[in-house]
Amino acid sequence: MRIKKLSIYYSLSLFFISSAILAYEISLMRILKIEGLGNFTFLAIGIALTGFGACGTTILIFLNKFQILLKRDIVYILSSVGFIFFLSMSYFLSQHIHFDPLRILWDKKQIFYLFVRLILYAIPFIMASFAVIASFLIEKSNKVYFLNMSGSGVGILLSLIAFWHLDANKIILLPICLSLLSLIFVIGSNLSFIRIIAIIALLSISFFFSYRSKL
């Protein structure tokens, strides 16, 4: 059921969060490749789809509560903030889970390590997906598809450009910056949240810079 139409702020927010999702997916494929997990790079696509599926299932189960948050315009804010925070957090934690694909045949712990890393990589997709799925409850699907697909295309293009200018351990900054742009457009119509959101966003980025791991 449509509650209202997307404003220009939320349209731009959807565009940039879509860019951030695809930029993260492409960056994740590169990160896995450089880490020596080349045989698992194809999982990046599966992880992204798992994130969307988990998000959609969560919304379906808690649809009534989700619509309340949607009316209060909190979904986009939480989606952007959650994406930024869990992106840096998941990236940091995954670097401390020493998964060795060569030992997976005789060391059962490696299967567990792989599963945990996949879960960590999927969490940012889940958070960002809330904004995209929420848009379908607000606006006509053709407009949502246009913003989502065009934003995704820009995210892929920017990722390819970033590969030439950013080191492997900094490539994750691209989806973080795109998500920050999404957040900026959201708070343009929710000024009461600026201070809280700014603190969370800055702490998330600071956490990433302070504890980033070398690939």
C-alpha atoms as a PDB file:
ATOM      1  CA  MET A   1       0.000   0.000   0.000  1.00  0.00           C
ATOM      2  CA  ARG A   2       1.458   3.338  -1.040  1.00  0.00           C
ATOM      3  CA  ILE A   3       1.742   5.804   1.828  1.00  0.00           C
ATOM      4  CA  LYS A   4       3.015   8.830  -0.124  1.00  0.00           C
ATOM      5  CA  LYS A   5       5.265   9.752  -3.002  1.00  0.00           C
ATOM      6  CA  LEU A   6       9.028   9.949  -2.803  1.00  0.00           C
ATOM      7  CA  SER A   7      10.259  13.509  -2.387  1.00  0.00           C
ATOM      8  CA  ILE A   8      13.287  14.771  -4.301  1.00  0.00           C
ATOM      9  CA  TYR A   9      15.404  14.167  -1.189  1.00  0.00           C
ATOM     10  CA  TYR A  10      14.424  10.529  -0.904  1.00  0.00           C
ATOM     11  CA  SER A  11      14.697   9.993  -4.651  1.00  0.00           C
ATOM     12  CA  LEU A  12      18.319  11.152  -4.572  1.00  0.00           C
ATOM     13  CA  SER A  13      18.881   9.111  -1.424  1.00  0.00           C
ATOM     14  CA  LEU A  14      17.587   5.986  -3.181  1.00  0.00           C
ATOM     15  CA  PHE A  15      19.821   6.732  -6.173  1.00  0.00           C
ATOM     16  CA  PHE A  16      22.980   6.958  -4.070  1.00  0.00           C
ATOM     17  CA  ILE A  17      22.181   4.033  -1.785  1.00  0.00           C
ATOM     18  CA  SER A  18      21.690   1.932  -4.929  1.00  0.00           C
ATOM     19  CA  SER A  19      25.074   3.144  -6.163  1.00  0.00           C
ATOM     20  CA  ALA A  20      26.602   2.215  -2.817  1.00  0.00           C
ATOM     21  CA  ILE A  21      25.149  -1.304  -2.932  1.00  0.00           C
ATOM     22  CA  LEU A  22      26.653  -2.118  -6.322  1.00  0.00           C
ATOM     23  CA  ALA A  23      29.926  -0.387  -5.453  1.00  0.00           C
ATOM     24  CA  TYR A  24      30.151  -2.575  -2.356  1.00  0.00           C
ATOM     25  CA  GLU A  25      29.375  -5.699  -4.366  1.00  0.00           C
ATOM     26  CA  ILE A  26      32.096  -4.936  -6.928  1.00  0.00           C
ATOM     27  CA  SER A  27      34.539  -3.933  -4.184  1.00  0.00           C
ATOM     28  CA  LEU A  28      33.804  -7.159  -2.330  1.00  0.00           C
ATOM     29  CA  MET A  29      34.705  -9.200  -5.399  1.00  0.00           C
ATOM     30  CA  ARG A  30      38.040  -7.398  -5.639  1.00  0.00           C
ATOM     31  CA  ILE A  31      38.729  -7.775  -1.921  1.00  0.00           C
ATOM     32  CA  LEU A  32      38.078 -11.524  -2.026  1.00  0.00           C
ATOM     33  CA  LYS A  33      40.334 -11.851  -5.051  1.00  0.00           C
ATOM     34  CA  ILE A  34      43.235  -9.988  -3.436  1.00  0.00           C
ATOM     35  CA  GLU A  35      42.833 -11.938  -0.199  1.00  0.00           C
ATOM     36  CA  GLY A  36      43.529 -15.106  -2.158  1.00  0.00           C
ATOM     37  CA  LEU A  37      39.911 -16.235  -2.187  1.00  0.00           C
ATOM     38  CA  GLY A  38      39.620 -16.033  -5.964  1.00  0.00           C
ATOM     39  CA  ASN A  39      37.454 -19.145  -6.148  1.00  0.00           C
ATOM     40  CA  PHE A  40      34.903 -17.468  -3.886  1.00  0.00           C
ATOM     41  CA  THR A  41      34.515 -14.122  -5.687  1.00  0.00           C
ATOM     42  CA  PHE A  42      31.342 -15.362  -7.376  1.00  0.00           C
ATOM     43  CA  LEU A  43      29.782 -15.530  -3.908  1.00  0.00           C
ATOM     44  CA  ALA A  44      29.632 -11.717  -3.826  1.00  0.00           C
ATOM     45  CA  ILE A  45      26.553 -11.834  -6.050  1.00  0.00           C
ATOM     46  CA  GLY A  46      24.976 -14.552  -3.928  1.00  0.00           C
ATOM     47  CA  ILE A  47      25.730 -12.593  -0.752  1.00  0.00           C
ATOM     48  CA  ALA A  48      24.026  -9.502  -2.190  1.00  0.00           C
ATOM     49  CA  LEU A  49      20.927 -11.482  -3.147  1.00  0.00           C
ATOM     50  CA  THR A  50      20.905 -13.129   0.284  1.00  0.00           C
ATOM     51  CA  GLY A  51      20.933  -9.678   1.869  1.00  0.00           C
ATOM     52  CA  PHE A  52      17.933  -8.562  -0.175  1.00  0.00           C
ATOM     53  CA  GLY A  53      16.113 -11.800   0.594  1.00  0.00           C
ATOM     54  CA  ALA A  54      16.771 -11.547   4.337  1.00  0.00           C
ATOM     55  CA  CYS A  55      15.645  -7.917   4.342  1.00  0.00           C
ATOM     56  CA  GLY A  56      12.448  -8.691   2.428  1.00  0.00           C
ATOM     57  CA  THR A  57      11.633 -11.576   4.759  1.00  0.00           C
ATOM     58  CA  THR A  58      12.169  -9.366   7.815  1.00  0.00           C
ATOM     59  CA  ILE A  59       9.874  -6.678   6.408  1.00  0.00           C
ATOM     60  CA  LEU A  60       7.187  -9.265   5.619  1.00  0.00           C
ATOM     61  CA  ILE A  61       7.273 -10.634   9.172  1.00  0.00           C
ATOM     62  CA  PHE A  62       7.231  -7.203  10.825  1.00  0.00           C
ATOM     63  CA  LEU A  63       5.215  -5.364   8.167  1.00  0.00           C
ATOM     64  CA  ASN A  64       3.003  -3.409  10.578  1.00  0.00           C
ATOM     65  CA  LYS A  65       5.922  -2.057  12.591  1.00  0.00           C
ATOM     66  CA  PHE A  66       7.834  -1.343   9.398  1.00  0.00           C
ATOM     67  CA  GLN A  67       4.983   0.778   8.017  1.00  0.00           C
ATOM     68  CA  ILE A  68       4.976   2.815  11.229  1.00  0.00           C
ATOM     69  CA  LEU A  69       8.676   3.569  10.773  1.00  0.00           C
ATOM     70  CA  LEU A  70       7.998   4.330   7.121  1.00  0.00           C
ATOM     71  CA  LYS A  71       5.423   6.966   8.018  1.00  0.00           C
ATOM     72  CA  ARG A  72       7.907   8.605  10.378  1.00  0.00           C
ATOM     73  CA  ASP A  73      10.589   8.757   7.647  1.00  0.00           C
ATOM     74  CA  ILE A  74      13.085   6.817   9.757  1.00  0.00           C
ATOM     75  CA  VAL A  75      13.688   3.900   7.398  1.00  0.00           C
ATOM     76  CA  TYR A  76      15.992   5.744   5.002  1.00  0.00           C
ATOM     77  CA  ILE A  77      17.993   7.254   7.847  1.00  0.00           C
ATOM     78  CA  LEU A  78      18.498   3.940   9.630  1.00  0.00           C
ATOM     79  CA  SER A  79      19.274   2.223   6.330  1.00  0.00           C
ATOM     80  CA  SER A  80      22.059   4.657   5.401  1.00  0.00           C
ATOM     81  CA  VAL A  81      23.529   4.841   8.895  1.00  0.00           C
ATOM     82  CA  GLY A  82      23.361   1.066   9.311  1.00  0.00           C
ATOM     83  CA  PHE A  83      25.008   0.504   5.952  1.00  0.00           C
ATOM     84  CA  ILE A  84      27.910   2.838   6.782  1.00  0.00           C
ATOM     85  CA  PHE A  85      28.427   1.393  10.250  1.00  0.00           C
ATOM     86  CA  PHE A  86      28.159  -2.299   9.393  1.00  0.00           C
ATOM     87  CA  LEU A  87      30.187  -1.882   6.217  1.00  0.00           C
ATOM     88  CA  SER A  88      33.236  -0.711   8.148  1.00  0.00           C
ATOM     89  CA  MET A  89      32.532  -3.031  11.085  1.00  0.00           C
ATOM     90  CA  SER A  90      32.039  -6.126   8.924  1.00  0.00           C
ATOM     91  CA  TYR A  91      35.128  -5.349   6.883  1.00  0.00           C
ATOM     92  CA  PHE A  92      37.242  -5.020  10.020  1.00  0.00           C
ATOM     93  CA  LEU A  93      35.903  -8.180  11.680  1.00  0.00           C
ATOM     94  CA  SER A  94      36.228 -10.278   8.529  1.00  0.00           C
ATOM     95  CA  GLN A  95      39.948  -9.501   8.361  1.00  0.00           C
ATOM     96  CA  HIS A  96      40.386 -11.154  11.763  1.00  0.00           C
ATOM     97  CA  ILE A  97      38.701 -14.402  10.759  1.00  0.00           C
ATOM     98  CA  HIS A  98      41.505 -16.432   9.227  1.00  0.00           C
ATOM     99  CA  PHE A  99      39.789 -18.567   6.631  1.00  0.00           C
ATOM    100  CA  ASP A 100      42.125 -20.807   4.623  1.00  0.00           C
ATOM    101  CA  PRO A 101      40.397 -22.433   1.614  1.00  0.00           C
ATOM    102  CA  LEU A 102      43.262 -24.920   1.233  1.00  0.00           C
ATOM    103  CA  ARG A 103      42.479 -26.470   4.623  1.00  0.00           C
ATOM    104  CA  ILE A 104      38.723 -26.739   4.162  1.00  0.00           C
ATOM    105  CA  LEU A 105      38.887 -30.455   3.222  1.00  0.00           C
ATOM    106  CA  TRP A 106      40.351 -31.628   6.542  1.00  0.00           C
ATOM    107  CA  ASP A 107      39.714 -28.739   8.934  1.00  0.00           C
ATOM    108  CA  LYS A 108      36.006 -28.420   9.748  1.00  0.00           C
ATOM    109  CA  LYS A 109      36.601 -25.073  11.441  1.00  0.00           C
ATOM    110  CA  GLN A 110      37.267 -23.527   8.047  1.00  0.00           C
ATOM    111  CA  ILE A 111      33.659 -24.192   7.019  1.00  0.00           C
ATOM    112  CA  PHE A 112      32.505 -22.289  10.090  1.00  0.00           C
ATOM    113  CA  TYR A 113      34.934 -19.446   9.365  1.00  0.00           C
ATOM    114  CA  LEU A 114      33.643 -19.228   5.803  1.00  0.00           C
ATOM    115  CA  PHE A 115      30.040 -19.125   7.006  1.00  0.00           C
ATOM    116  CA  VAL A 116      30.788 -16.353   9.512  1.00  0.00           C
ATOM    117  CA  ARG A 117      32.589 -14.270   6.905  1.00  0.00           C
ATOM    118  CA  LEU A 118      29.691 -14.621   4.485  1.00  0.00           C
ATOM    119  CA  ILE A 119      27.272 -13.477   7.190  1.00  0.00           C
ATOM    120  CA  LEU A 120      29.455 -10.453   7.944  1.00  0.00           C
ATOM    121  CA  TYR A 121      29.619  -9.529   4.273  1.00  0.00           C
ATOM    122  CA  ALA A 122      25.825  -9.888   3.943  1.00  0.00           C
ATOM    123  CA  ILE A 123      24.875  -7.561   6.823  1.00  0.00           C
ATOM    124  CA  PRO A 124      25.630  -4.301   4.920  1.00  0.00           C
ATOM    125  CA  PHE A 125      23.483  -5.534   2.024  1.00  0.00           C
ATOM    126  CA  ILE A 126      20.636  -6.204   4.456  1.00  0.00           C
ATOM    127  CA  MET A 127      20.841  -2.693   5.906  1.00  0.00           C
ATOM    128  CA  ALA A 128      20.996  -0.948   2.530  1.00  0.00           C
ATOM    129  CA  SER A 129      18.165  -3.066   1.153  1.00  0.00           C
ATOM    130  CA  PHE A 130      15.678  -1.554   3.584  1.00  0.00           C
ATOM    131  CA  ALA A 131      15.744   1.752   1.684  1.00  0.00           C
ATOM    132  CA  VAL A 132      15.210   0.071  -1.674  1.00  0.00           C
ATOM    133  CA  ILE A 133      12.390  -2.209  -0.525  1.00  0.00           C
ATOM    134  CA  ALA A 134      10.736   0.636   1.397  1.00  0.00           C
ATOM    135  CA  SER A 135      10.616   2.670  -1.797  1.00  0.00           C
ATOM    136  CA  PHE A 136       8.339   0.095  -3.408  1.00  0.00           C
ATOM    137  CA  LEU A 137       5.844   0.656  -0.569  1.00  0.00           C
ATOM    138  CA  ILE A 138       5.915   4.411  -1.185  1.00  0.00           C
ATOM    139  CA  GLU A 139       6.328   5.125  -4.888  1.00  0.00           C
ATOM    140  CA  LYS A 140       5.315   3.600  -8.207  1.00  0.00           C
ATOM    141  CA  SER A 141       7.526   0.690  -9.177  1.00  0.00           C
ATOM    142  CA  ASN A 142       8.630   2.220 -12.493  1.00  0.00           C
ATOM    143  CA  LYS A 143      10.178   5.232 -10.753  1.00  0.00           C
ATOM    144  CA  VAL A 144      11.815   3.053  -8.117  1.00  0.00           C
ATOM    145  CA  TYR A 145      13.281   0.766 -10.773  1.00  0.00           C
ATOM    146  CA  PHE A 146      14.626   3.761 -12.683  1.00  0.00           C
ATOM    147  CA  LEU A 147      16.352   5.258  -9.639  1.00  0.00           C
ATOM    148  CA  ASN A 148      17.634   1.870  -8.495  1.00  0.00           C
ATOM    149  CA  MET A 149      18.973   0.734 -11.863  1.00  0.00           C
ATOM    150  CA  SER A 150      20.500   4.084 -12.819  1.00  0.00           C
ATOM    151  CA  GLY A 151      22.114   4.379  -9.396  1.00  0.00           C
ATOM    152  CA  SER A 152      23.441   0.839  -9.665  1.00  0.00           C
ATOM    153  CA  GLY A 153      24.982   1.608 -13.046  1.00  0.00           C
ATOM    154  CA  VAL A 154      26.724   4.677 -11.668  1.00  0.00           C
ATOM    155  CA  GLY A 155      27.998   2.620  -8.730  1.00  0.00           C
ATOM    156  CA  ILE A 156      29.565   0.056 -11.064  1.00  0.00           C
ATOM    157  CA  LEU A 157      31.159   2.764 -13.204  1.00  0.00           C
ATOM    158  CA  LEU A 158      32.611   4.539 -10.171  1.00  0.00           C
ATOM    159  CA  SER A 159      33.961   1.227  -8.863  1.00  0.00           C
ATOM    160  CA  LEU A 160      35.860   0.585 -12.079  1.00  0.00           C
ATOM    161  CA  ILE A 161      37.343   4.086 -11.915  1.00  0.00           C
ATOM    162  CA  ALA A 162      38.213   3.694  -8.225  1.00  0.00           C
ATOM    163  CA  PHE A 163      40.198   0.532  -8.918  1.00  0.00           C
ATOM    164  CA  TRP A 164      42.776   2.665 -10.733  1.00  0.00           C
ATOM    165  CA  HIS A 165      43.117   5.271  -7.984  1.00  0.00           C
ATOM    166  CA  LEU A 166      42.561   3.510  -4.641  1.00  0.00           C
ATOM    167  CA  ASP A 167      44.617   0.850  -2.902  1.00  0.00           C
ATOM    168  CA  ALA A 168      42.955  -2.477  -2.216  1.00  0.00           C
ATOM    169  CA  ASN A 169      42.604  -1.743   1.505  1.00  0.00           C
ATOM    170  CA  LYS A 170      40.870   1.578   0.740  1.00  0.00           C
ATOM    171  CA  ILE A 171      38.490   0.499  -2.013  1.00  0.00           C
ATOM    172  CA  ILE A 172      35.759   0.002   0.577  1.00  0.00           C
ATOM    173  CA  LEU A 173      35.719   3.787   1.054  1.00  0.00           C
ATOM    174  CA  LEU A 174      33.786   4.235  -2.200  1.00  0.00           C
ATOM    175  CA  PRO A 175      30.516   2.621  -1.024  1.00  0.00           C
ATOM    176  CA  ILE A 176      30.934   4.400   2.320  1.00  0.00           C
ATOM    177  CA  CYS A 177      31.153   7.787   0.586  1.00  0.00           C
ATOM    178  CA  LEU A 178      28.186   7.017  -1.664  1.00  0.00           C
ATOM    179  CA  SER A 179      26.140   5.999   1.351  1.00  0.00           C
ATOM    180  CA  LEU A 180      27.125   9.234   3.073  1.00  0.00           C
ATOM    181  CA  LEU A 181      25.721  11.141   0.098  1.00  0.00           C
ATOM    182  CA  SER A 182      22.510   9.175   0.487  1.00  0.00           C
ATOM    183  CA  LEU A 183      22.436  10.127   4.147  1.00  0.00           C
ATOM    184  CA  ILE A 184      23.047  13.815   3.393  1.00  0.00           C
ATOM    185  CA  PHE A 185      20.005  14.005   1.132  1.00  0.00           C
ATOM    186  CA  VAL A 186      17.843  12.271   3.726  1.00  0.00           C
ATOM    187  CA  ILE A 187      18.744  14.630   6.551  1.00  0.00           C
ATOM    188  CA  GLY A 188      17.937  17.551   4.269  1.00  0.00           C
ATOM    189  CA  SER A 189      14.319  16.984   5.288  1.00  0.00           C
ATOM    190  CA  ASN A 190      14.975  15.643   8.804  1.00  0.00           C
ATOM    191  CA  LEU A 191      17.056  18.335  10.451  1.00  0.00           C
ATOM    192  CA  SER A 192      16.362  17.079  13.968  1.00  0.00           C
ATOM    193  CA  PHE A 193      18.457  13.981  13.295  1.00  0.00           C
ATOM    194  CA  ILE A 194      21.551  15.762  11.949  1.00  0.00           C
ATOM    195  CA  ARG A 195      23.679  15.715  15.084  1.00  0.00           C
ATOM    196  CA  ILE A 196      22.959  12.103  15.981  1.00  0.00           C
ATOM    197  CA  ILE A 197      23.492  10.868  12.447  1.00  0.00           C
ATOM    198  CA  ALA A 198      26.666  12.907  11.953  1.00  0.00           C
ATOM    199  CA  ILE A 199      28.171  11.456  15.124  1.00  0.00           C
ATOM    200  CA  ILE A 200      27.322   7.874  14.152  1.00  0.00           C
ATOM    201  CA  ALA A 201      28.622   8.332  10.611  1.00  0.00           C
ATOM    202  CA  LEU A 202      31.864   9.951  11.727  1.00  0.00           C
ATOM    203  CA  LEU A 203      32.430   7.295  14.377  1.00  0.00           C
ATOM    204  CA  SER A 204      31.891   4.584  11.782  1.00  0.00           C
ATOM    205  CA  ILE A 205      34.416   6.067   9.374  1.00  0.00           C
ATOM    206  CA  SER A 206      36.863   6.754  12.200  1.00  0.00           C
ATOM    207  CA  PHE A 207      36.511   3.130  13.270  1.00  0.00           C
ATOM    208  CA  PHE A 208      37.382   2.020   9.763  1.00  0.00           C
ATOM    209  CA  PHE A 209      40.432   4.273   9.485  1.00  0.00           C
ATOM    210  CA  SER A 210      41.715   3.339  12.953  1.00  0.00           C
ATOM    211  CA  TYR A 211      41.398  -0.410  12.605  1.00  0.00           C
ATOM    212  CA  ARG A 212      41.629  -1.081   8.880  1.00  0.00           C
ATOM    213  CA  SER A 213      43.599  -4.179   7.993  1.00  0.00           C
ATOM    214  CA  LYS A 214      46.234  -4.540   5.314  1.00  0.00           C
ATOM    215  CA  LEU A 215      45.366  -6.949   2.541  1.00  0.00           C
END
